[in-house]
Amino acid sequence: MKTTMRTILSVLLLLGVLLSMQTAAFAELPQKNAVCELFSDDGFYEDSIGNGYVYSYHLPQINADTADAREINAEIAELFGERVEAQYQSMEGGHSLWLYRTEWQAFRDGSRLYLLITADQNGDNILYGAYGYDLETGERVTNEMLLEQKGISEEAYRERLREKVIQMFEEQYRPLPEGVKTELDHDRLLEETLNFLEEERPIFVNQYGELETIVEIAVVAGAGKYSHLATPFS
């Protein structure tokens, strides 16, 4: 059944048909055929030991035949699509699922289209992906292009992002009163969090017209880090 579903979706993808309209932000797009879906599947699955899962898999593809559109689509298929395929394989084998939901939103800023994808892994560890594409020029929108459009220097953006991440970190790890013992190494975690900023992350324009990006906050319990969305100029 799943193989048949994927075959049907592949045909619809080639025809450029938009399969799912549940994404509210996409309804605002004047060109509703700008995006189609690689996966559009919702259902219930029970594994071999009786655990039940409600799953929802929706992934976008830019409906354009340009080099940059093909590149973005391939990145989405690799990062998120392969994870969904792994879940279908688990279903065929009666195994448990670890990815319950993938969903996306699309935002427009002039001729530029921005896609935000989220994948809910194990119910609490969110994987984010963001992509920008200019529908008129057929080019990927880079961070440099976006900052230049908004008249913001890279230095100013990075400084505001650093301030925002520190604020987000302090809200998550509020210092305890003096004399209270804790295993939390506040300074070490903050240093790790700020080090994550050395890796460039895609910037996009959200539904409010704000610049937004993906950041990572270090965590205590050995999990390494969690991804979050940050709006440096909000």
Foldseek 3Di string as FASTA:
>chain_A
DVVVQQVVLVVCLVVLDADDDPAPQLVPDPPNSQKHWNDFDWDWAAFPVGDIATAGETHIAGNDPDPASVVVRVVRCVPPVVLVVVQVVCRVVRHDHFWGYKDWHWHDDPQKIKIWIWIQGNNPFIDIDMWMARNVVRHTQFPVNVCVVVVHDPVRQLVLVLVQQVVVLCVVPPDDPPPDDDPDPSVVQNVLQNVQVVDDWGWDQDRVRFIKTKGWGQDDPPPGTGIDMTGSPD
